[in-house]
């Protein structure tokens, strides 16, 4: 992790978080908006998010100020806290009183630090889409100062954000798959070109030109497409399978 937390901009501009700078992808924008919108709700003093890949955190943090940023990072470092628990269980934690002995026992290092930052309660909301857990939204506030209706509003926003994150993940998978297909196609094209040249140089039928190319790659512990590229684009008089010298 690197960078600092988001400084909240009440003028309406999107916050610029350390996580967003470190991970220049489309997921940062909807997550930043969620943190910013929730901060406008009465009773919410700070907000932050941890993004997750199932139970495993992705180490991406969005926060609306230095205190929230410190507390989100603390949860990652200590492996405890409301966001960590929600990322594991996918269960809402609403208005958890941090002075309660049960909270102190549950989060023995996180709870005192959150109290020291001036917050007496925390609410953690899962970001889920069709059963896929994508992260957790943390709201820091005073105990009994955040109404249930506003928590419900944050849940709706979290669900919408989770939908956007899921769509971005799907698009990323499609782009990766397309790139792999293109790489495979490019590799196949260069191998076919090399086979054509070898058939001419070695006076082989085209269907038999692949075997020497494959055997050379194995013998020299090289990738097949790298050898094919050298055959096609390298000097014809040297390297793998040089062109036979013409008799004068």
C-alpha atoms as a PDB file:
ATOM      1  CA  UNK A   1       0.000   0.000   0.000  1.00  0.00           C
ATOM      2  CA  UNK A   2       1.124   3.491  -0.652  1.00  0.00           C
ATOM      3  CA  UNK A   3      -0.174   7.013  -0.791  1.00  0.00           C
ATOM      4  CA  UNK A   4      -2.338   8.993   1.547  1.00  0.00           C
ATOM      5  CA  UNK A   5      -6.049   9.070   2.193  1.00  0.00           C
ATOM      6  CA  UNK A   6      -8.637  11.149   0.426  1.00  0.00           C
ATOM      7  CA  UNK A   7      -9.255  14.695   1.555  1.00  0.00           C
ATOM      8  CA  UNK A   8     -12.976  15.330   1.307  1.00  0.00           C
ATOM      9  CA  UNK A   9     -13.939  18.120  -1.064  1.00  0.00           C
ATOM     10  CA  UNK A  10     -17.403  19.489  -0.178  1.00  0.00           C
ATOM     11  CA  UNK A  11     -17.449  21.490  -3.387  1.00  0.00           C
ATOM     12  CA  UNK A  12     -18.398  18.292  -5.207  1.00  0.00           C
ATOM     13  CA  UNK A  13     -15.122  17.400  -6.914  1.00  0.00           C
ATOM     14  CA  UNK A  14     -14.208  13.762  -6.722  1.00  0.00           C
ATOM     15  CA  UNK A  15     -11.635  13.019  -4.025  1.00  0.00           C
ATOM     16  CA  UNK A  16      -8.229  11.922  -5.151  1.00  0.00           C
ATOM     17  CA  UNK A  17      -7.206   8.930  -3.069  1.00  0.00           C
ATOM     18  CA  UNK A  18      -3.847   7.261  -2.773  1.00  0.00           C
ATOM     19  CA  UNK A  19      -5.431   3.989  -3.857  1.00  0.00           C
ATOM     20  CA  UNK A  20      -6.822   5.614  -6.975  1.00  0.00           C
ATOM     21  CA  UNK A  21      -3.419   6.952  -7.951  1.00  0.00           C
ATOM     22  CA  UNK A  22      -1.666   3.671  -7.248  1.00  0.00           C
ATOM     23  CA  UNK A  23      -4.262   1.653  -9.179  1.00  0.00           C
ATOM     24  CA  UNK A  24      -5.247   3.670 -12.272  1.00  0.00           C
ATOM     25  CA  UNK A  25      -8.305   1.635 -13.242  1.00  0.00           C
ATOM     26  CA  UNK A  26     -12.021   2.137 -13.602  1.00  0.00           C
ATOM     27  CA  UNK A  27     -12.858   0.673 -10.189  1.00  0.00           C
ATOM     28  CA  UNK A  28     -11.592   3.745  -8.322  1.00  0.00           C
ATOM     29  CA  UNK A  29     -14.253   6.175  -9.601  1.00  0.00           C
ATOM     30  CA  UNK A  30     -17.454   4.498  -8.315  1.00  0.00           C
ATOM     31  CA  UNK A  31     -15.761   3.623  -5.025  1.00  0.00           C
ATOM     32  CA  UNK A  32     -14.655   7.230  -4.492  1.00  0.00           C
ATOM     33  CA  UNK A  33     -18.179   8.428  -5.245  1.00  0.00           C
ATOM     34  CA  UNK A  34     -19.646   6.022  -2.712  1.00  0.00           C
ATOM     35  CA  UNK A  35     -17.303   7.243   0.023  1.00  0.00           C
ATOM     36  CA  UNK A  36     -18.066  10.869  -0.834  1.00  0.00           C
ATOM     37  CA  UNK A  37     -21.845  10.491  -0.991  1.00  0.00           C
ATOM     38  CA  UNK A  38     -22.013   8.676   2.333  1.00  0.00           C
ATOM     39  CA  UNK A  39     -20.050  11.453   3.978  1.00  0.00           C
ATOM     40  CA  UNK A  40     -22.911  13.847   3.158  1.00  0.00           C
ATOM     41  CA  UNK A  41     -25.378  11.792   5.213  1.00  0.00           C
ATOM     42  CA  UNK A  42     -26.272  13.209   8.656  1.00  0.00           C
ATOM     43  CA  UNK A  43     -24.253  11.566  11.376  1.00  0.00           C
ATOM     44  CA  UNK A  44     -21.425  10.237   9.187  1.00  0.00           C
ATOM     45  CA  UNK A  45     -18.126  11.825  10.216  1.00  0.00           C
ATOM     46  CA  UNK A  46     -15.752   9.823   8.003  1.00  0.00           C
ATOM     47  CA  UNK A  47     -15.943   6.954   5.569  1.00  0.00           C
ATOM     48  CA  UNK A  48     -13.605   4.513   3.927  1.00  0.00           C
ATOM     49  CA  UNK A  49     -13.558   1.331   1.908  1.00  0.00           C
ATOM     50  CA  UNK A  50     -11.486  -1.782   1.597  1.00  0.00           C
ATOM     51  CA  UNK A  51     -11.711  -3.671  -1.666  1.00  0.00           C
ATOM     52  CA  UNK A  52     -11.598  -7.440  -1.536  1.00  0.00           C
ATOM     53  CA  UNK A  53     -11.354 -10.476  -3.770  1.00  0.00           C
ATOM     54  CA  UNK A  54     -13.535 -12.853  -1.801  1.00  0.00           C
ATOM     55  CA  UNK A  55     -12.042 -13.138   1.705  1.00  0.00           C
ATOM     56  CA  UNK A  56      -8.680 -11.813   0.487  1.00  0.00           C
ATOM     57  CA  UNK A  57      -8.130  -8.055   0.635  1.00  0.00           C
ATOM     58  CA  UNK A  58      -6.739  -6.409  -2.492  1.00  0.00           C
ATOM     59  CA  UNK A  59      -4.897  -3.850  -0.358  1.00  0.00           C
ATOM     60  CA  UNK A  60      -6.829  -1.032  -2.052  1.00  0.00           C
ATOM     61  CA  UNK A  61      -8.088   1.696   0.238  1.00  0.00           C
ATOM     62  CA  UNK A  62     -10.337   4.671  -0.398  1.00  0.00           C
ATOM     63  CA  UNK A  63     -10.800   7.078   2.522  1.00  0.00           C
ATOM     64  CA  UNK A  64     -12.369  10.509   3.059  1.00  0.00           C
ATOM     65  CA  UNK A  65      -9.709  11.993   5.278  1.00  0.00           C
ATOM     66  CA  UNK A  66      -6.530  11.280   7.228  1.00  0.00           C
ATOM     67  CA  UNK A  67      -8.317   9.695  10.216  1.00  0.00           C
ATOM     68  CA  UNK A  68     -10.357   7.315   8.047  1.00  0.00           C
ATOM     69  CA  UNK A  69      -7.273   6.506   5.999  1.00  0.00           C
ATOM     70  CA  UNK A  70      -5.296   5.627   9.126  1.00  0.00           C
ATOM     71  CA  UNK A  71      -8.089   3.414  10.434  1.00  0.00           C
ATOM     72  CA  UNK A  72      -8.574   1.592   7.133  1.00  0.00           C
ATOM     73  CA  UNK A  73      -4.852   0.893   6.852  1.00  0.00           C
ATOM     74  CA  UNK A  74      -4.780  -0.165  10.484  1.00  0.00           C
ATOM     75  CA  UNK A  75      -7.405  -2.812   9.767  1.00  0.00           C
ATOM     76  CA  UNK A  76      -5.263  -4.208   6.979  1.00  0.00           C
ATOM     77  CA  UNK A  77      -2.103  -4.156   9.078  1.00  0.00           C
ATOM     78  CA  UNK A  78      -3.706  -5.643  12.200  1.00  0.00           C
ATOM     79  CA  UNK A  79      -6.114  -7.981  10.390  1.00  0.00           C
ATOM     80  CA  UNK A  80      -8.938  -6.800  12.627  1.00  0.00           C
ATOM     81  CA  UNK A  81     -11.741  -4.265  12.549  1.00  0.00           C
ATOM     82  CA  UNK A  82     -15.282  -3.910  11.167  1.00  0.00           C
ATOM     83  CA  UNK A  83     -14.290  -3.757   7.500  1.00  0.00           C
ATOM     84  CA  UNK A  84     -12.073  -6.804   7.894  1.00  0.00           C
ATOM     85  CA  UNK A  85     -14.906  -8.750   9.504  1.00  0.00           C
ATOM     86  CA  UNK A  86     -17.398  -7.763   6.818  1.00  0.00           C
ATOM     87  CA  UNK A  87     -14.917  -8.718   4.089  1.00  0.00           C
ATOM     88  CA  UNK A  88     -14.750 -12.161   5.677  1.00  0.00           C
ATOM     89  CA  UNK A  89     -18.444 -12.701   6.419  1.00  0.00           C
ATOM     90  CA  UNK A  90     -20.408 -10.446   4.078  1.00  0.00           C
ATOM     91  CA  UNK A  91     -22.658  -9.506   7.015  1.00  0.00           C
ATOM     92  CA  UNK A  92     -23.679  -5.938   7.861  1.00  0.00           C
ATOM     93  CA  UNK A  93     -22.360  -4.485  11.124  1.00  0.00           C
ATOM     94  CA  UNK A  94     -24.568  -1.536  12.143  1.00  0.00           C
ATOM     95  CA  UNK A  95     -23.742   1.102  14.778  1.00  0.00           C
ATOM     96  CA  UNK A  96     -21.200  -1.033  16.622  1.00  0.00           C
ATOM     97  CA  UNK A  97     -20.344   0.777  19.853  1.00  0.00           C
ATOM     98  CA  UNK A  98     -16.579   0.854  20.153  1.00  0.00           C
ATOM     99  CA  UNK A  99     -16.639   1.453  23.913  1.00  0.00           C
ATOM    100  CA  UNK A 100     -18.579  -1.758  24.449  1.00  0.00           C
ATOM    101  CA  UNK A 101     -16.437  -4.448  26.133  1.00  0.00           C
ATOM    102  CA  UNK A 102     -17.462  -6.894  23.432  1.00  0.00           C
ATOM    103  CA  UNK A 103     -16.088  -4.589  20.755  1.00  0.00           C
ATOM    104  CA  UNK A 104     -12.922  -4.086  22.781  1.00  0.00           C
ATOM    105  CA  UNK A 105     -12.506  -7.863  22.992  1.00  0.00           C
ATOM    106  CA  UNK A 106     -13.320  -8.348  19.330  1.00  0.00           C
ATOM    107  CA  UNK A 107     -10.943  -5.635  18.097  1.00  0.00           C
ATOM    108  CA  UNK A 108      -8.469  -5.116  20.959  1.00  0.00           C
ATOM    109  CA  UNK A 109      -6.110  -2.940  18.940  1.00  0.00           C
ATOM    110  CA  UNK A 110      -8.425  -1.312  16.425  1.00  0.00           C
ATOM    111  CA  UNK A 111     -11.170  -0.150  18.815  1.00  0.00           C
ATOM    112  CA  UNK A 112      -8.896   1.976  21.068  1.00  0.00           C
ATOM    113  CA  UNK A 113      -7.341   3.630  18.017  1.00  0.00           C
ATOM    114  CA  UNK A 114     -10.747   4.468  16.527  1.00  0.00           C
ATOM    115  CA  UNK A 115     -11.812   5.968  19.856  1.00  0.00           C
ATOM    116  CA  UNK A 116      -8.608   7.992  19.942  1.00  0.00           C
ATOM    117  CA  UNK A 117      -9.520   9.380  16.494  1.00  0.00           C
ATOM    118  CA  UNK A 118     -12.795  10.651  17.993  1.00  0.00           C
ATOM    119  CA  UNK A 119     -15.283   8.016  16.809  1.00  0.00           C
ATOM    120  CA  UNK A 120     -17.422   6.052  19.261  1.00  0.00           C
ATOM    121  CA  UNK A 121     -19.122   3.779  16.718  1.00  0.00           C
ATOM    122  CA  UNK A 122     -18.629   2.199  13.311  1.00  0.00           C
ATOM    123  CA  UNK A 123     -20.935   0.772  10.682  1.00  0.00           C
ATOM    124  CA  UNK A 124     -19.560  -1.615   8.062  1.00  0.00           C
ATOM    125  CA  UNK A 125     -21.559  -2.476   4.942  1.00  0.00           C
ATOM    126  CA  UNK A 126     -20.639  -5.221   2.477  1.00  0.00           C
ATOM    127  CA  UNK A 127     -20.237  -4.536  -1.231  1.00  0.00           C
ATOM    128  CA  UNK A 128     -21.835  -7.615  -2.762  1.00  0.00           C
ATOM    129  CA  UNK A 129     -23.158  -8.517  -6.179  1.00  0.00           C
ATOM    130  CA  UNK A 130     -24.920 -11.835  -6.775  1.00  0.00           C
ATOM    131  CA  UNK A 131     -23.144 -13.354  -3.797  1.00  0.00           C
ATOM    132  CA  UNK A 132     -19.716 -12.075  -4.830  1.00  0.00           C
ATOM    133  CA  UNK A 133     -18.054 -10.106  -2.031  1.00  0.00           C
ATOM    134  CA  UNK A 134     -16.124  -7.173  -3.487  1.00  0.00           C
ATOM    135  CA  UNK A 135     -15.262  -5.164  -0.379  1.00  0.00           C
ATOM    136  CA  UNK A 136     -16.695  -3.251   2.552  1.00  0.00           C
ATOM    137  CA  UNK A 137     -17.769   0.317   3.274  1.00  0.00           C
ATOM    138  CA  UNK A 138     -16.877   1.693   6.699  1.00  0.00           C
ATOM    139  CA  UNK A 139     -18.784   4.605   8.253  1.00  0.00           C
ATOM    140  CA  UNK A 140     -17.312   6.237  11.343  1.00  0.00           C
ATOM    141  CA  UNK A 141     -19.673   8.157  13.609  1.00  0.00           C
ATOM    142  CA  UNK A 142     -20.923   8.623  17.145  1.00  0.00           C
ATOM    143  CA  UNK A 143     -22.972   5.886  18.785  1.00  0.00           C
ATOM    144  CA  UNK A 144     -26.727   6.226  18.083  1.00  0.00           C
ATOM    145  CA  UNK A 145     -26.113   9.272  15.874  1.00  0.00           C
ATOM    146  CA  UNK A 146     -26.566   7.451  12.572  1.00  0.00           C
ATOM    147  CA  UNK A 147     -30.196   6.625  11.844  1.00  0.00           C
ATOM    148  CA  UNK A 148     -31.219   3.261  10.452  1.00  0.00           C
ATOM    149  CA  UNK A 149     -32.741   4.943   7.394  1.00  0.00           C
ATOM    150  CA  UNK A 150     -29.371   6.404   6.447  1.00  0.00           C
ATOM    151  CA  UNK A 151     -27.676   3.071   6.943  1.00  0.00           C
ATOM    152  CA  UNK A 152     -30.270   1.649   4.553  1.00  0.00           C
ATOM    153  CA  UNK A 153     -29.480   4.382   2.041  1.00  0.00           C
ATOM    154  CA  UNK A 154     -25.791   3.495   2.253  1.00  0.00           C
ATOM    155  CA  UNK A 155     -26.642  -0.149   1.650  1.00  0.00           C
ATOM    156  CA  UNK A 156     -28.451   0.795  -1.554  1.00  0.00           C
ATOM    157  CA  UNK A 157     -25.475   2.874  -2.671  1.00  0.00           C
ATOM    158  CA  UNK A 158     -23.132   0.010  -1.778  1.00  0.00           C
ATOM    159  CA  UNK A 159     -25.173  -2.420  -3.871  1.00  0.00           C
ATOM    160  CA  UNK A 160     -25.074  -0.049  -6.830  1.00  0.00           C
ATOM    161  CA  UNK A 161     -21.322   0.394  -6.461  1.00  0.00           C
ATOM    162  CA  UNK A 162     -20.840  -3.376  -6.210  1.00  0.00           C
ATOM    163  CA  UNK A 163     -22.739  -3.761  -9.490  1.00  0.00           C
ATOM    164  CA  UNK A 164     -20.389  -1.262 -11.157  1.00  0.00           C
ATOM    165  CA  UNK A 165     -17.328  -3.031  -9.760  1.00  0.00           C
ATOM    166  CA  UNK A 166     -18.607  -6.412 -10.941  1.00  0.00           C
ATOM    167  CA  UNK A 167     -19.205  -5.055 -14.443  1.00  0.00           C
ATOM    168  CA  UNK A 168     -15.679  -3.641 -14.549  1.00  0.00           C
ATOM    169  CA  UNK A 169     -14.228  -6.977 -13.452  1.00  0.00           C
ATOM    170  CA  UNK A 170     -16.171  -8.744 -16.186  1.00  0.00           C
ATOM    171  CA  UNK A 171     -14.923  -6.272 -18.785  1.00  0.00           C
ATOM    172  CA  UNK A 172     -11.359  -6.712 -17.549  1.00  0.00           C
ATOM    173  CA  UNK A 173     -11.685 -10.474 -17.924  1.00  0.00           C
ATOM    174  CA  UNK A 174     -13.011 -10.061 -21.461  1.00  0.00           C
ATOM    175  CA  UNK A 175     -10.123  -7.750 -22.364  1.00  0.00           C
ATOM    176  CA  UNK A 176      -7.607 -10.198 -20.910  1.00  0.00           C
ATOM    177  CA  UNK A 177      -9.184 -13.107 -22.795  1.00  0.00           C
ATOM    178  CA  UNK A 178      -9.134 -11.141 -26.048  1.00  0.00           C
ATOM    179  CA  UNK A 179      -5.478 -10.256 -25.516  1.00  0.00           C
ATOM    180  CA  UNK A 180      -4.638 -13.917 -24.952  1.00  0.00           C
ATOM    181  CA  UNK A 181      -6.484 -14.894 -28.128  1.00  0.00           C
ATOM    182  CA  UNK A 182      -4.627 -12.220 -30.095  1.00  0.00           C
ATOM    183  CA  UNK A 183      -1.290 -13.421 -28.728  1.00  0.00           C
ATOM    184  CA  UNK A 184      -2.129 -17.005 -29.681  1.00  0.00           C
ATOM    185  CA  UNK A 185      -3.185 -15.883 -33.167  1.00  0.00           C
ATOM    186  CA  UNK A 186      -0.004 -13.853 -33.662  1.00  0.00           C
ATOM    187  CA  UNK A 187       2.069 -16.819 -32.518  1.00  0.00           C
ATOM    188  CA  UNK A 188       0.273 -19.149 -34.906  1.00  0.00           C
ATOM    189  CA  UNK A 189       0.790 -16.780 -37.835  1.00  0.00           C
ATOM    190  CA  UNK A 190       4.552 -16.484 -37.269  1.00  0.00           C
ATOM    191  CA  UNK A 191       4.878 -20.274 -36.893  1.00  0.00           C
ATOM    192  CA  UNK A 192       3.047 -20.837 -40.186  1.00  0.00           C
ATOM    193  CA  UNK A 193       5.334 -18.324 -41.893  1.00  0.00           C
ATOM    194  CA  UNK A 194       8.390 -20.100 -40.498  1.00  0.00           C
ATOM    195  CA  UNK A 195       7.059 -23.463 -41.705  1.00  0.00           C
ATOM    196  CA  UNK A 196       6.741 -22.054 -45.197  1.00  0.00           C
ATOM    197  CA  UNK A 197      10.340 -20.839 -45.196  1.00  0.00           C
ATOM    198  CA  UNK A 198      11.637 -24.116 -43.785  1.00  0.00           C
ATOM    199  CA  UNK A 199       9.751 -26.105 -46.375  1.00  0.00           C
ATOM    200  CA  UNK A 200      11.635 -24.107 -49.028  1.00  0.00           C
ATOM    201  CA  UNK A 201      15.052 -24.173 -47.353  1.00  0.00           C
ATOM    202  CA  UNK A 202      15.013 -27.823 -46.307  1.00  0.00           C
ATOM    203  CA  UNK A 203      13.105 -29.008 -49.356  1.00  0.00           C
ATOM    204  CA  UNK A 204      10.382 -30.555 -47.210  1.00  0.00           C
ATOM    205  CA  UNK A 205       6.660 -30.948 -47.781  1.00  0.00           C
ATOM    206  CA  UNK A 206       4.847 -28.173 -45.900  1.00  0.00           C
ATOM    207  CA  UNK A 207       3.208 -30.655 -43.529  1.00  0.00           C
ATOM    208  CA  UNK A 208       6.653 -31.925 -42.446  1.00  0.00           C
ATOM    209  CA  UNK A 209       8.242 -28.512 -41.847  1.00  0.00           C
ATOM    210  CA  UNK A 210       6.901 -28.165 -38.319  1.00  0.00           C
ATOM    211  CA  UNK A 211       8.884 -31.076 -36.831  1.00  0.00           C
ATOM    212  CA  UNK A 212      12.397 -29.589 -37.268  1.00  0.00           C
ATOM    213  CA  UNK A 213      11.159 -26.238 -35.931  1.00  0.00           C
ATOM    214  CA  UNK A 214       9.719 -27.909 -32.846  1.00  0.00           C
ATOM    215  CA  UNK A 215      12.787 -30.112 -32.318  1.00  0.00           C
ATOM    216  CA  UNK A 216      15.146 -27.127 -32.554  1.00  0.00           C
ATOM    217  CA  UNK A 217      13.118 -25.199 -29.957  1.00  0.00           C
ATOM    218  CA  UNK A 218      13.158 -28.153 -27.568  1.00  0.00           C
ATOM    219  CA  UNK A 219      16.860 -28.868 -28.033  1.00  0.00           C
ATOM    220  CA  UNK A 220      17.792 -25.244 -27.350  1.00  0.00           C
ATOM    221  CA  UNK A 221      15.151 -24.745 -24.620  1.00  0.00           C
ATOM    222  CA  UNK A 222      13.546 -21.862 -26.436  1.00  0.00           C
ATOM    223  CA  UNK A 223       9.956 -20.900 -27.084  1.00  0.00           C
ATOM    224  CA  UNK A 224       8.631 -22.128 -30.378  1.00  0.00           C
ATOM    225  CA  UNK A 225       7.334 -18.738 -31.484  1.00  0.00           C
ATOM    226  CA  UNK A 226      10.706 -17.122 -30.660  1.00  0.00           C
ATOM    227  CA  UNK A 227      12.509 -19.590 -32.922  1.00  0.00           C
ATOM    228  CA  UNK A 228       9.881 -19.055 -35.614  1.00  0.00           C
ATOM    229  CA  UNK A 229      10.331 -15.281 -35.343  1.00  0.00           C
ATOM    230  CA  UNK A 230      14.098 -15.665 -35.793  1.00  0.00           C
ATOM    231  CA  UNK A 231      13.598 -17.866 -38.835  1.00  0.00           C
ATOM    232  CA  UNK A 232      11.231 -15.374 -40.455  1.00  0.00           C
ATOM    233  CA  UNK A 233      12.910 -12.087 -39.518  1.00  0.00           C
ATOM    234  CA  UNK A 234      16.509 -13.086 -38.789  1.00  0.00           C
ATOM    235  CA  UNK A 235      19.346 -13.186 -41.342  1.00  0.00           C
ATOM    236  CA  UNK A 236      18.691 -15.958 -43.837  1.00  0.00           C
ATOM    237  CA  UNK A 237      22.354 -17.036 -43.957  1.00  0.00           C
ATOM    238  CA  UNK A 238      22.756 -17.727 -40.226  1.00  0.00           C
ATOM    239  CA  UNK A 239      20.771 -18.675 -37.151  1.00  0.00           C
ATOM    240  CA  UNK A 240      18.383 -21.617 -37.101  1.00  0.00           C
ATOM    241  CA  UNK A 241      18.162 -23.345 -40.450  1.00  0.00           C
ATOM    242  CA  UNK A 242      20.262 -20.965 -42.575  1.00  0.00           C
ATOM    243  CA  UNK A 243      19.558 -20.839 -46.279  1.00  0.00           C
ATOM    244  CA  UNK A 244      21.836 -23.275 -48.166  1.00  0.00           C
ATOM    245  CA  UNK A 245      24.658 -21.660 -50.085  1.00  0.00           C
ATOM    246  CA  UNK A 246      24.022 -21.522 -53.806  1.00  0.00           C
ATOM    247  CA  UNK A 247      26.646 -23.157 -56.031  1.00  0.00           C
ATOM    248  CA  UNK A 248      28.227 -20.741 -58.421  1.00  0.00           C
END
